[in-house]
Amino acid sequence: GGGLVQSGGSLRLSCAASGNIFRIDDMGWYHQAPGK
């Protein structure tokens, strides 16, 4: 879902988990700006 967009625009990110999952407790999104 990432990409290039102009200020004021919108994007939708998706993240799918798979594998030997018994239970998921929480999921989240983290941002890392350049040099931060």
PDB file of all heavy atoms in Angstrom:
ATOM      1  N   GLY A   1       0.765  -1.232   0.000  1.00  0.00           N
ATOM      2  CA  GLY A   1       0.000   0.000   0.000  1.00  0.00           C
ATOM      3  C   GLY A   1       0.798   1.285   0.000  1.00  0.00           C
ATOM      4  O   GLY A   1       0.224   2.363  -0.153  1.00  0.00           O
ATOM      5  N   GLY A   2       2.104   1.205   0.173  1.00  0.00           N
ATOM      6  CA  GLY A   2       2.916   2.406   0.162  1.00  0.00           C
ATOM      7  C   GLY A   2       3.016   2.997  -1.231  1.00  0.00           C
ATOM      8  O   GLY A   2       2.636   2.380  -2.222  1.00  0.00           O
ATOM      9  N   GLY A   3       3.526   4.218  -1.291  1.00  0.00           N
ATOM     10  CA  GLY A   3       3.674   4.867  -2.577  1.00  0.00           C
ATOM     11  C   GLY A   3       3.948   6.344  -2.446  1.00  0.00           C
ATOM     12  O   GLY A   3       4.256   6.846  -1.370  1.00  0.00           O
ATOM     13  N   LEU A   4       3.831   7.026  -3.563  1.00  0.00           N
ATOM     14  CA  LEU A   4       4.054   8.470  -3.644  1.00  0.00           C
ATOM     15  C   LEU A   4       2.723   9.190  -3.734  1.00  0.00           C
ATOM     16  O   LEU A   4       1.869   8.839  -4.552  1.00  0.00           O
ATOM     17  CB  LEU A   4       4.917   8.796  -4.863  1.00  0.00           C
ATOM     18  CG  LEU A   4       5.148  10.265  -5.185  1.00  0.00           C
ATOM     19  CD1 LEU A   4       5.932  10.937  -4.070  1.00  0.00           C
ATOM     20  CD2 LEU A   4       5.869  10.396  -6.516  1.00  0.00           C
ATOM     21  N   VAL A   5       2.555  10.208  -2.907  1.00  0.00           N
ATOM     22  CA  VAL A   5       1.313  10.972  -2.892  1.00  0.00           C
ATOM     23  C   VAL A   5       1.618  12.425  -2.573  1.00  0.00           C
ATOM     24  O   VAL A   5       2.610  12.727  -1.906  1.00  0.00           O
ATOM     25  CB  VAL A   5       0.319  10.376  -1.867  1.00  0.00           C
ATOM     26  CG1 VAL A   5       0.850  10.538  -0.450  1.00  0.00           C
ATOM     27  CG2 VAL A   5      -1.055  11.001  -2.006  1.00  0.00           C
ATOM     28  N   GLN A   6       0.782  13.325  -3.062  1.00  0.00           N
ATOM     29  CA  GLN A   6       0.944  14.745  -2.765  1.00  0.00           C
ATOM     30  C   GLN A   6       0.319  15.099  -1.428  1.00  0.00           C
ATOM     31  O   GLN A   6      -0.531  14.369  -0.905  1.00  0.00           O
ATOM     32  CB  GLN A   6       0.314  15.599  -3.867  1.00  0.00           C
ATOM     33  CG  GLN A   6       1.041  15.531  -5.198  1.00  0.00           C
ATOM     34  CD  GLN A   6       0.469  16.492  -6.216  1.00  0.00           C
ATOM     35  OE1 GLN A   6      -0.745  16.640  -6.326  1.00  0.00           O
ATOM     36  NE2 GLN A   6       1.351  17.145  -6.962  1.00  0.00           N
ATOM     37  N   SER A   7       0.750  16.208  -0.865  1.00  0.00           N
ATOM     38  CA  SER A   7       0.192  16.682   0.393  1.00  0.00           C
ATOM     39  C   SER A   7      -1.328  16.764   0.304  1.00  0.00           C
ATOM     40  O   SER A   7      -1.877  17.240  -0.680  1.00  0.00           O
ATOM     41  CB  SER A   7       0.753  18.055   0.749  1.00  0.00           C
ATOM     42  OG  SER A   7       2.138  18.001   1.004  1.00  0.00           O
ATOM     43  N   GLY A   8      -1.976  16.270   1.357  1.00  0.00           N
ATOM     44  CA  GLY A   8      -3.425  16.255   1.386  1.00  0.00           C
ATOM     45  C   GLY A   8      -4.043  14.984   0.840  1.00  0.00           C
ATOM     46  O   GLY A   8      -5.251  14.778   0.990  1.00  0.00           O
ATOM     47  N   GLY A   9      -3.235  14.148   0.238  1.00  0.00           N
ATOM     48  CA  GLY A   9      -3.728  12.914  -0.334  1.00  0.00           C
ATOM     49  C   GLY A   9      -3.874  11.813   0.691  1.00  0.00           C
ATOM     50  O   GLY A   9      -3.643  12.013   1.885  1.00  0.00           O
ATOM     51  N   SER A  10      -4.247  10.633   0.206  1.00  0.00           N
ATOM     52  CA  SER A  10      -4.513   9.497   1.080  1.00  0.00           C
ATOM     53  C   SER A  10      -3.850   8.229   0.572  1.00  0.00           C
ATOM     54  O   SER A  10      -3.627   8.062  -0.631  1.00  0.00           O
ATOM     55  CB  SER A  10      -6.020   9.247   1.194  1.00  0.00           C
ATOM     56  OG  SER A  10      -6.699  10.357   1.749  1.00  0.00           O
ATOM     57  N   LEU A  11      -3.544   7.345   1.499  1.00  0.00           N
ATOM     58  CA  LEU A  11      -3.048   6.014   1.207  1.00  0.00           C
ATOM     59  C   LEU A  11      -3.625   5.053   2.235  1.00  0.00           C
ATOM     60  O   LEU A  11      -3.943   5.462   3.357  1.00  0.00           O
ATOM     61  CB  LEU A  11      -1.523   5.944   1.267  1.00  0.00           C
ATOM     62  CG  LEU A  11      -0.712   6.587   0.149  1.00  0.00           C
ATOM     63  CD1 LEU A  11       0.772   6.569   0.515  1.00  0.00           C
ATOM     64  CD2 LEU A  11      -0.942   5.861  -1.167  1.00  0.00           C
ATOM     65  N   ARG A  12      -3.739   3.794   1.847  1.00  0.00           N
ATOM     66  CA  ARG A  12      -4.142   2.761   2.789  1.00  0.00           C
ATOM     67  C   ARG A  12      -3.103   1.650   2.788  1.00  0.00           C
ATOM     68  O   ARG A  12      -2.857   1.017   1.761  1.00  0.00           O
ATOM     69  CB  ARG A  12      -5.518   2.176   2.458  1.00  0.00           C
ATOM     70  CG  ARG A  12      -6.059   1.293   3.594  1.00  0.00           C
ATOM     71  CD  ARG A  12      -7.406   0.686   3.296  1.00  0.00           C
ATOM     72  NE  ARG A  12      -7.309  -0.488   2.438  1.00  0.00           N
ATOM     73  CZ  ARG A  12      -8.151  -1.515   2.483  1.00  0.00           C
ATOM     74  NH1 ARG A  12      -9.170  -1.511   3.346  1.00  0.00           N
ATOM     75  NH2 ARG A  12      -8.004  -2.530   1.647  1.00  0.00           N
ATOM     76  N   LEU A  13      -2.504   1.429   3.934  1.00  0.00           N
ATOM     77  CA  LEU A  13      -1.527   0.372   4.101  1.00  0.00           C
ATOM     78  C   LEU A  13      -2.201  -0.888   4.630  1.00  0.00           C
ATOM     79  O   LEU A  13      -3.128  -0.812   5.433  1.00  0.00           O
ATOM     80  CB  LEU A  13      -0.421   0.795   5.070  1.00  0.00           C
ATOM     81  CG  LEU A  13       0.302   2.113   4.780  1.00  0.00           C
ATOM     82  CD1 LEU A  13       1.418   2.321   5.797  1.00  0.00           C
ATOM     83  CD2 LEU A  13       0.839   2.148   3.363  1.00  0.00           C
ATOM     84  N   SER A  14      -1.712  -2.030   4.172  1.00  0.00           N
ATOM     85  CA  SER A  14      -2.226  -3.308   4.630  1.00  0.00           C
ATOM     86  C   SER A  14      -1.081  -4.178   5.120  1.00  0.00           C
ATOM     87  O   SER A  14       0.030  -4.105   4.604  1.00  0.00           O
ATOM     88  CB  SER A  14      -2.956  -4.044   3.495  1.00  0.00           C
ATOM     89  OG  SER A  14      -4.059  -3.307   3.023  1.00  0.00           O
ATOM     90  N   CYS A  15      -1.363  -5.004   6.102  1.00  0.00           N
ATOM     91  CA  CYS A  15      -0.371  -5.930   6.631  1.00  0.00           C
ATOM     92  C   CYS A  15      -1.077  -7.218   7.015  1.00  0.00           C
ATOM     93  O   CYS A  15      -1.923  -7.220   7.911  1.00  0.00           O
ATOM     94  CB  CYS A  15       0.345  -5.326   7.837  1.00  0.00           C
ATOM     95  SG  CYS A  15       1.520  -6.441   8.647  1.00  0.00           S
ATOM     96  N   ALA A  16      -0.712  -8.301   6.350  1.00  0.00           N
ATOM     97  CA  ALA A  16      -1.332  -9.599   6.595  1.00  0.00           C
ATOM     98  C   ALA A  16      -0.349 -10.539   7.269  1.00  0.00           C
ATOM     99  O   ALA A  16       0.776 -10.717   6.798  1.00  0.00           O
ATOM    100  CB  ALA A  16      -1.826 -10.205   5.287  1.00  0.00           C
ATOM    101  N   ALA A  17      -0.776 -11.142   8.351  1.00  0.00           N
ATOM    102  CA  ALA A  17       0.035 -12.114   9.073  1.00  0.00           C
ATOM    103  C   ALA A  17      -0.385 -13.527   8.704  1.00  0.00           C
ATOM    104  O   ALA A  17      -1.575 -13.815   8.540  1.00  0.00           O
ATOM    105  CB  ALA A  17      -0.095 -11.910  10.577  1.00  0.00           C
ATOM    106  N   SER A  18       0.591 -14.406   8.562  1.00  0.00           N
ATOM    107  CA  SER A  18       0.300 -15.792   8.242  1.00  0.00           C
ATOM    108  C   SER A  18       1.334 -16.698   8.898  1.00  0.00           C
ATOM    109  O   SER A  18       2.394 -16.246   9.316  1.00  0.00           O
ATOM    110  CB  SER A  18       0.277 -16.019   6.729  1.00  0.00           C
ATOM    111  OG  SER A  18       1.547 -15.737   6.153  1.00  0.00           O
ATOM    112  N   GLY A  19       1.024 -17.989   8.951  1.00  0.00           N
ATOM    113  CA  GLY A  19       1.920 -18.949   9.557  1.00  0.00           C
ATOM    114  C   GLY A  19       1.249 -19.692  10.690  1.00  0.00           C
ATOM    115  O   GLY A  19       0.026 -19.772  10.754  1.00  0.00           O
ATOM    116  N   ASN A  20       2.072 -20.249  11.573  1.00  0.00           N
ATOM    117  CA  ASN A  20       1.545 -21.051  12.677  1.00  0.00           C
ATOM    118  C   ASN A  20       1.078 -20.165  13.833  1.00  0.00           C
ATOM    119  O   ASN A  20       1.609 -20.205  14.945  1.00  0.00           O
ATOM    120  CB  ASN A  20       2.582 -22.072  13.144  1.00  0.00           C
ATOM    121  CG  ASN A  20       3.891 -21.432  13.593  1.00  0.00           C
ATOM    122  OD1 ASN A  20       4.283 -20.370  13.120  1.00  0.00           O
ATOM    123  ND2 ASN A  20       4.577 -22.094  14.519  1.00  0.00           N
ATOM    124  N   ILE A  21       0.050 -19.384  13.556  1.00  0.00           N
ATOM    125  CA  ILE A  21      -0.490 -18.434  14.524  1.00  0.00           C
ATOM    126  C   ILE A  21      -1.621 -19.066  15.315  1.00  0.00           C
ATOM    127  O   ILE A  21      -2.629 -19.481  14.748  1.00  0.00           O
ATOM    128  CB  ILE A  21      -1.002 -17.164  13.830  1.00  0.00           C
ATOM    129  CG1 ILE A  21       0.122 -16.485  13.057  1.00  0.00           C
ATOM    130  CG2 ILE A  21      -1.608 -16.213  14.861  1.00  0.00           C
ATOM    131  CD1 ILE A  21      -0.352 -15.369  12.152  1.00  0.00           C
ATOM    132  N   PHE A  22      -1.441 -19.134  16.601  1.00  0.00           N
ATOM    133  CA  PHE A  22      -2.510 -19.567  17.480  1.00  0.00           C
ATOM    134  C   PHE A  22      -3.400 -18.390  17.856  1.00  0.00           C
ATOM    135  O   PHE A  22      -4.626 -18.497  17.843  1.00  0.00           O
ATOM    136  CB  PHE A  22      -1.947 -20.236  18.741  1.00  0.00           C
ATOM    137  CG  PHE A  22      -2.998 -20.568  19.764  1.00  0.00           C
ATOM    138  CD1 PHE A  22      -3.916 -21.575  19.536  1.00  0.00           C
ATOM    139  CD2 PHE A  22      -3.072 -19.873  20.963  1.00  0.00           C
ATOM    140  CE1 PHE A  22      -4.889 -21.894  20.473  1.00  0.00           C
ATOM    141  CE2 PHE A  22      -4.033 -20.181  21.916  1.00  0.00           C
ATOM    142  CZ  PHE A  22      -4.945 -21.193  21.665  1.00  0.00           C
ATOM    143  N   ARG A  23      -2.764 -17.278  18.166  1.00  0.00           N
ATOM    144  CA  ARG A  23      -3.516 -16.102  18.577  1.00  0.00           C
ATOM    145  C   ARG A  23      -2.688 -14.841  18.329  1.00  0.00           C
ATOM    146  O   ARG A  23      -1.504 -14.803  18.630  1.00  0.00           O
ATOM    147  CB  ARG A  23      -3.868 -16.189  20.066  1.00  0.00           C
ATOM    148  CG  ARG A  23      -4.756 -15.065  20.561  1.00  0.00           C
ATOM    149  CD  ARG A  23      -4.958 -15.136  22.068  1.00  0.00           C
ATOM    150  NE  ARG A  23      -3.773 -14.725  22.798  1.00  0.00           N
ATOM    151  CZ  ARG A  23      -3.092 -15.503  23.626  1.00  0.00           C
ATOM    152  NH1 ARG A  23      -3.485 -16.753  23.846  1.00  0.00           N
ATOM    153  NH2 ARG A  23      -2.017 -15.033  24.247  1.00  0.00           N
ATOM    154  N   ILE A  24      -3.337 -13.822  17.778  1.00  0.00           N
ATOM    155  CA  ILE A  24      -2.752 -12.497  17.679  1.00  0.00           C
ATOM    156  C   ILE A  24      -3.366 -11.617  18.762  1.00  0.00           C
ATOM    157  O   ILE A  24      -4.582 -11.580  18.909  1.00  0.00           O
ATOM    158  CB  ILE A  24      -2.979 -11.870  16.294  1.00  0.00           C
ATOM    159  CG1 ILE A  24      -2.124 -12.583  15.246  1.00  0.00           C
ATOM    160  CG2 ILE A  24      -2.653 -10.378  16.313  1.00  0.00           C
ATOM    161  CD1 ILE A  24      -2.322 -12.062  13.847  1.00  0.00           C
ATOM    162  N   ASP A  25      -2.521 -10.931  19.503  1.00  0.00           N
ATOM    163  CA  ASP A  25      -2.995 -10.070  20.576  1.00  0.00           C
ATOM    164  C   ASP A  25      -3.134  -8.620  20.123  1.00  0.00           C
ATOM    165  O   ASP A  25      -4.108  -7.953  20.476  1.00  0.00           O
ATOM    166  CB  ASP A  25      -2.067 -10.153  21.781  1.00  0.00           C
ATOM    167  CG  ASP A  25      -2.071 -11.531  22.403  1.00  0.00           C
ATOM    168  OD1 ASP A  25      -3.166 -12.113  22.568  1.00  0.00           O
ATOM    169  OD2 ASP A  25      -0.987 -12.046  22.731  1.00  0.00           O
ATOM    170  N   ASP A  26      -2.182  -8.139  19.369  1.00  0.00           N
ATOM    171  CA  ASP A  26      -2.279  -6.792  18.848  1.00  0.00           C
ATOM    172  C   ASP A  26      -1.385  -6.623  17.627  1.00  0.00           C
ATOM    173  O   ASP A  26      -0.431  -7.369  17.430  1.00  0.00           O
ATOM    174  CB  ASP A  26      -1.939  -5.738  19.916  1.00  0.00           C
ATOM    175  CG  ASP A  26      -0.524  -5.841  20.421  1.00  0.00           C
ATOM    176  OD1 ASP A  26       0.400  -5.454  19.679  1.00  0.00           O
ATOM    177  OD2 ASP A  26      -0.334  -6.283  21.573  1.00  0.00           O
ATOM    178  N   MET A  27      -1.712  -5.634  16.827  1.00  0.00           N
ATOM    179  CA  MET A  27      -0.917  -5.273  15.665  1.00  0.00           C
ATOM    180  C   MET A  27      -0.795  -3.753  15.628  1.00  0.00           C
ATOM    181  O   MET A  27      -1.650  -3.044  16.157  1.00  0.00           O
ATOM    182  CB  MET A  27      -1.551  -5.782  14.371  1.00  0.00           C
ATOM    183  CG  MET A  27      -1.729  -7.295  14.329  1.00  0.00           C
ATOM    184  SD  MET A  27      -2.410  -7.925  12.761  1.00  0.00           S
ATOM    185  CE  MET A  27      -0.957  -7.809  11.702  1.00  0.00           C
ATOM    186  N   GLY A  28       0.268  -3.282  15.015  1.00  0.00           N
ATOM    187  CA  GLY A  28       0.470  -1.852  14.973  1.00  0.00           C
ATOM    188  C   GLY A  28       1.310  -1.410  13.797  1.00  0.00           C
ATOM    189  O   GLY A  28       1.880  -2.223  13.064  1.00  0.00           O
ATOM    190  N   TRP A  29       1.358  -0.094  13.628  1.00  0.00           N
ATOM    191  CA  TRP A  29       2.152   0.526  12.578  1.00  0.00           C
ATOM    192  C   TRP A  29       3.140   1.496  13.198  1.00  0.00           C
ATOM    193  O   TRP A  29       2.790   2.271  14.098  1.00  0.00           O
ATOM    194  CB  TRP A  29       1.263   1.277  11.586  1.00  0.00           C
ATOM    195  CG  TRP A  29       0.433   0.377  10.732  1.00  0.00           C
ATOM    196  CD1 TRP A  29      -0.856   0.004  10.927  1.00  0.00           C
ATOM    197  CD2 TRP A  29       0.848  -0.267   9.526  1.00  0.00           C
ATOM    198  NE1 TRP A  29      -1.277  -0.830   9.919  1.00  0.00           N
ATOM    199  CE2 TRP A  29      -0.254  -1.014   9.045  1.00  0.00           C
ATOM    200  CE3 TRP A  29       2.042  -0.283   8.796  1.00  0.00           C
ATOM    201  CZ2 TRP A  29      -0.191  -1.774   7.868  1.00  0.00           C
ATOM    202  CZ3 TRP A  29       2.101  -1.041   7.637  1.00  0.00           C
ATOM    203  CH2 TRP A  29       0.996  -1.767   7.183  1.00  0.00           C
ATOM    204  N   TYR A  30       4.371   1.446  12.708  1.00  0.00           N
ATOM    205  CA  TYR A  30       5.439   2.310  13.167  1.00  0.00           C
ATOM    206  C   TYR A  30       6.028   3.068  11.992  1.00  0.00           C
ATOM    207  O   TYR A  30       6.105   2.549  10.883  1.00  0.00           O
ATOM    208  CB  TYR A  30       6.531   1.492  13.860  1.00  0.00           C
ATOM    209  CG  TYR A  30       6.084   0.872  15.162  1.00  0.00           C
ATOM    210  CD1 TYR A  30       5.227  -0.218  15.177  1.00  0.00           C
ATOM    211  CD2 TYR A  30       6.514   1.383  16.382  1.00  0.00           C
ATOM    212  CE1 TYR A  30       4.807  -0.785  16.370  1.00  0.00           C
ATOM    213  CE2 TYR A  30       6.105   0.820  17.580  1.00  0.00           C
ATOM    214  CZ  TYR A  30       5.254  -0.265  17.559  1.00  0.00           C
ATOM    215  OH  TYR A  30       4.847  -0.824  18.746  1.00  0.00           O
ATOM    216  N   HIS A  31       6.436   4.293  12.252  1.00  0.00           N
ATOM    217  CA  HIS A  31       6.989   5.167  11.233  1.00  0.00           C
ATOM    218  C   HIS A  31       8.443   5.477  11.543  1.00  0.00           C
ATOM    219  O   HIS A  31       8.777   5.803  12.680  1.00  0.00           O
ATOM    220  CB  HIS A  31       6.179   6.466  11.172  1.00  0.00           C
ATOM    221  CG  HIS A  31       6.763   7.528  10.306  1.00  0.00           C
ATOM    222  ND1 HIS A  31       6.977   8.814  10.745  1.00  0.00           N
ATOM    223  CD2 HIS A  31       7.175   7.502   9.005  1.00  0.00           C
ATOM    224  CE1 HIS A  31       7.487   9.540   9.777  1.00  0.00           C
ATOM    225  NE2 HIS A  31       7.620   8.763   8.702  1.00  0.00           N
ATOM    226  N   GLN A  32       9.287   5.374  10.532  1.00  0.00           N
ATOM    227  CA  GLN A  32      10.681   5.754  10.670  1.00  0.00           C
ATOM    228  C   GLN A  32      11.044   6.736   9.560  1.00  0.00           C
ATOM    229  O   GLN A  32      11.161   6.356   8.403  1.00  0.00           O
ATOM    230  CB  GLN A  32      11.602   4.540  10.631  1.00  0.00           C
ATOM    231  CG  GLN A  32      13.052   4.880  10.942  1.00  0.00           C
ATOM    232  CD  GLN A  32      13.888   3.656  11.246  1.00  0.00           C
ATOM    233  OE1 GLN A  32      13.532   2.536  10.882  1.00  0.00           O
ATOM    234  NE2 GLN A  32      14.996   3.859  11.930  1.00  0.00           N
ATOM    235  N   ALA A  33      11.198   7.995   9.952  1.00  0.00           N
ATOM    236  CA  ALA A  33      11.619   9.018   9.015  1.00  0.00           C
ATOM    237  C   ALA A  33      13.125   8.909   8.797  1.00  0.00           C
ATOM    238  O   ALA A  33      13.844   8.362   9.643  1.00  0.00           O
ATOM    239  CB  ALA A  33      11.254  10.400   9.545  1.00  0.00           C
ATOM    240  N   PRO A  34      13.626   9.421   7.684  1.00  0.00           N
ATOM    241  CA  PRO A  34      15.063   9.355   7.421  1.00  0.00           C
ATOM    242  C   PRO A  34      15.883   9.957   8.558  1.00  0.00           C
ATOM    243  O   PRO A  34      15.642  11.092   8.974  1.00  0.00           O
ATOM    244  CB  PRO A  34      15.215  10.173   6.134  1.00  0.00           C
ATOM    245  CG  PRO A  34      13.900  10.039   5.453  1.00  0.00           C
ATOM    246  CD  PRO A  34      12.887  10.035   6.565  1.00  0.00           C
ATOM    247  N   GLY A  35      16.831   9.192   9.080  1.00  0.00           N
ATOM    248  CA  GLY A  35      17.687   9.658  10.147  1.00  0.00           C
ATOM    249  C   GLY A  35      17.041   9.733  11.515  1.00  0.00           C
ATOM    250  O   GLY A  35      17.659  10.248  12.448  1.00  0.00           O
ATOM    251  N   LYS A  36      15.821   9.220  11.649  1.00  0.00           N
ATOM    252  CA  LYS A  36      15.101   9.292  12.918  1.00  0.00           C
ATOM    253  C   LYS A  36      14.850   7.896  13.487  1.00  0.00           C
ATOM    254  O   LYS A  36      15.007   6.884  12.807  1.00  0.00           O
ATOM    255  CB  LYS A  36      13.769  10.019  12.731  1.00  0.00           C
ATOM    256  CG  LYS A  36      13.886  11.409  12.128  1.00  0.00           C
ATOM    257  CD  LYS A  36      14.372  12.416  13.140  1.00  0.00           C
ATOM    258  CE  LYS A  36      13.288  12.732  14.141  1.00  0.00           C
ATOM    259  NZ  LYS A  36      13.669  13.842  15.048  1.00  0.00           N
TER     260      LYS A  36
END
